[in-house]
Amino acid sequence: MSNSEKLLKTLSSLIENGILTSKDIQKEISTDFKFRRDKLINKLELVSREEFEILKKIVQKQELAIKKLSKKKKSKKVKKS
């Protein structure tokens, strides 16, 4: 079923149920779009900006720790030679 058919079906069901004022229809359509947006966001497994920034900081700290460890390992190899 195409998006236009779904929209028409939603509108017709709203009118059948007695929701005749334009504000009520607008509110119902807005709610429907919000639901679809949330469903899409969940499907794509998107994260918030805050979560992204926290993970970014964690990765940066891990990169520094790896660099420090690799420097220590290289210095130990040089001392053994």
C-alpha atoms as a PDB file:
ATOM      1  CA  MET A   1       0.000   0.000   0.000  1.00  0.00           C
ATOM      2  CA  SER A   2       1.452   3.375  -0.968  1.00  0.00           C
ATOM      3  CA  ASN A   3       1.888   6.289   1.414  1.00  0.00           C
ATOM      4  CA  SER A   4      -0.878   8.295  -0.235  1.00  0.00           C
ATOM      5  CA  GLU A   5      -3.294   5.396   0.184  1.00  0.00           C
ATOM      6  CA  LYS A   6      -2.371   5.092   3.845  1.00  0.00           C
ATOM      7  CA  LEU A   7      -2.921   8.822   4.348  1.00  0.00           C
ATOM      8  CA  LEU A   8      -6.313   8.713   2.640  1.00  0.00           C
ATOM      9  CA  LYS A   9      -7.299   5.650   4.651  1.00  0.00           C
ATOM     10  CA  THR A  10      -6.289   7.411   7.877  1.00  0.00           C
ATOM     11  CA  LEU A  11      -8.221  10.546   6.929  1.00  0.00           C
ATOM     12  CA  SER A  12     -11.328   8.585   5.967  1.00  0.00           C
ATOM     13  CA  SER A  13     -11.244   6.602   9.202  1.00  0.00           C
ATOM     14  CA  LEU A  14     -10.938   9.842  11.186  1.00  0.00           C
ATOM     15  CA  ILE A  15     -13.938  11.357   9.427  1.00  0.00           C
ATOM     16  CA  GLU A  16     -15.937   8.170   9.931  1.00  0.00           C
ATOM     17  CA  ASN A  17     -15.179   8.236  13.639  1.00  0.00           C
ATOM     18  CA  GLY A  18     -16.569  11.744  13.985  1.00  0.00           C
ATOM     19  CA  ILE A  19     -13.407  13.776  14.087  1.00  0.00           C
ATOM     20  CA  LEU A  20     -14.521  16.598  11.831  1.00  0.00           C
ATOM     21  CA  THR A  21     -12.727  19.715  13.029  1.00  0.00           C
ATOM     22  CA  SER A  22      -9.538  20.681  11.251  1.00  0.00           C
ATOM     23  CA  LYS A  23      -7.614  21.029  14.511  1.00  0.00           C
ATOM     24  CA  ASP A  24      -8.473  17.504  15.543  1.00  0.00           C
ATOM     25  CA  ILE A  25      -7.475  16.155  12.129  1.00  0.00           C
ATOM     26  CA  GLN A  26      -4.226  18.123  12.236  1.00  0.00           C
ATOM     27  CA  LYS A  27      -3.477  16.800  15.718  1.00  0.00           C
ATOM     28  CA  GLU A  28      -4.234  13.218  14.675  1.00  0.00           C
ATOM     29  CA  ILE A  29      -2.053  13.461  11.553  1.00  0.00           C
ATOM     30  CA  SER A  30       0.748  15.022  13.598  1.00  0.00           C
ATOM     31  CA  THR A  31       0.534  12.176  16.108  1.00  0.00           C
ATOM     32  CA  ASP A  32       0.604   9.631  13.287  1.00  0.00           C
ATOM     33  CA  PHE A  33       3.725  11.208  11.768  1.00  0.00           C
ATOM     34  CA  LYS A  34       5.451  11.326  15.161  1.00  0.00           C
ATOM     35  CA  PHE A  35       4.691   7.642  15.664  1.00  0.00           C
ATOM     36  CA  ARG A  36       6.114   6.804  12.235  1.00  0.00           C
ATOM     37  CA  ARG A  37       9.218   8.946  12.931  1.00  0.00           C
ATOM     38  CA  ASP A  38       9.821   7.190  16.248  1.00  0.00           C
ATOM     39  CA  LYS A  39       9.331   3.814  14.607  1.00  0.00           C
ATOM     40  CA  LEU A  40      11.901   4.693  11.929  1.00  0.00           C
ATOM     41  CA  ILE A  41      14.391   5.971  14.512  1.00  0.00           C
ATOM     42  CA  ASN A  42      14.065   2.739  16.476  1.00  0.00           C
ATOM     43  CA  LYS A  43      14.461   0.695  13.322  1.00  0.00           C
ATOM     44  CA  LEU A  44      17.654   2.555  12.353  1.00  0.00           C
ATOM     45  CA  GLU A  45      18.972   2.312  15.938  1.00  0.00           C
ATOM     46  CA  LEU A  46      19.992   5.975  16.032  1.00  0.00           C
ATOM     47  CA  VAL A  47      21.622   7.415  19.142  1.00  0.00           C
ATOM     48  CA  SER A  48      21.287  10.829  20.711  1.00  0.00           C
ATOM     49  CA  ARG A  49      23.998  13.459  20.424  1.00  0.00           C
ATOM     50  CA  GLU A  50      24.813  13.042  24.128  1.00  0.00           C
ATOM     51  CA  GLU A  51      25.371   9.293  23.763  1.00  0.00           C
ATOM     52  CA  PHE A  52      27.528   9.901  20.699  1.00  0.00           C
ATOM     53  CA  GLU A  53      29.715  12.446  22.494  1.00  0.00           C
ATOM     54  CA  ILE A  54      30.194  10.134  25.482  1.00  0.00           C
ATOM     55  CA  LEU A  55      31.233   7.241  23.244  1.00  0.00           C
ATOM     56  CA  LYS A  56      33.560   9.552  21.326  1.00  0.00           C
ATOM     57  CA  LYS A  57      35.342  10.539  24.556  1.00  0.00           C
ATOM     58  CA  ILE A  58      35.660   6.892  25.595  1.00  0.00           C
ATOM     59  CA  VAL A  59      37.224   5.988  22.248  1.00  0.00           C
ATOM     60  CA  GLN A  60      39.658   8.904  22.499  1.00  0.00           C
ATOM     61  CA  LYS A  61      40.773   7.754  25.958  1.00  0.00           C
ATOM     62  CA  GLN A  62      41.246   4.215  24.666  1.00  0.00           C
ATOM     63  CA  GLU A  63      43.343   5.476  21.758  1.00  0.00           C
ATOM     64  CA  LEU A  64      45.626   7.334  24.177  1.00  0.00           C
ATOM     65  CA  ALA A  65      45.965   4.247  26.367  1.00  0.00           C
ATOM     66  CA  ILE A  66      46.852   2.108  23.337  1.00  0.00           C
ATOM     67  CA  LYS A  67      49.479   4.610  22.209  1.00  0.00           C
ATOM     68  CA  LYS A  68      51.043   4.671  25.688  1.00  0.00           C
ATOM     69  CA  LEU A  69      51.138   0.880  25.841  1.00  0.00           C
ATOM     70  CA  SER A  70      52.656   0.579  22.387  1.00  0.00           C
ATOM     71  CA  LYS A  71      55.360   3.126  23.324  1.00  0.00           C
ATOM     72  CA  LYS A  72      56.182   1.142  26.468  1.00  0.00           C
ATOM     73  CA  LYS A  73      56.370  -2.072  24.455  1.00  0.00           C
ATOM     74  CA  LYS A  74      58.691  -0.470  21.891  1.00  0.00           C
ATOM     75  CA  SER A  75      60.962   0.940  24.611  1.00  0.00           C
ATOM     76  CA  LYS A  76      61.231  -2.513  26.245  1.00  0.00           C
ATOM     77  CA  LYS A  77      62.214  -4.055  22.884  1.00  0.00           C
ATOM     78  CA  VAL A  78      64.922  -1.418  22.383  1.00  0.00           C
ATOM     79  CA  LYS A  79      66.348  -2.057  25.894  1.00  0.00           C
ATOM     80  CA  LYS A  80      66.526  -5.841  25.232  1.00  0.00           C
ATOM     81  CA  SER A  81      68.576  -5.346  22.046  1.00  0.00           C
END
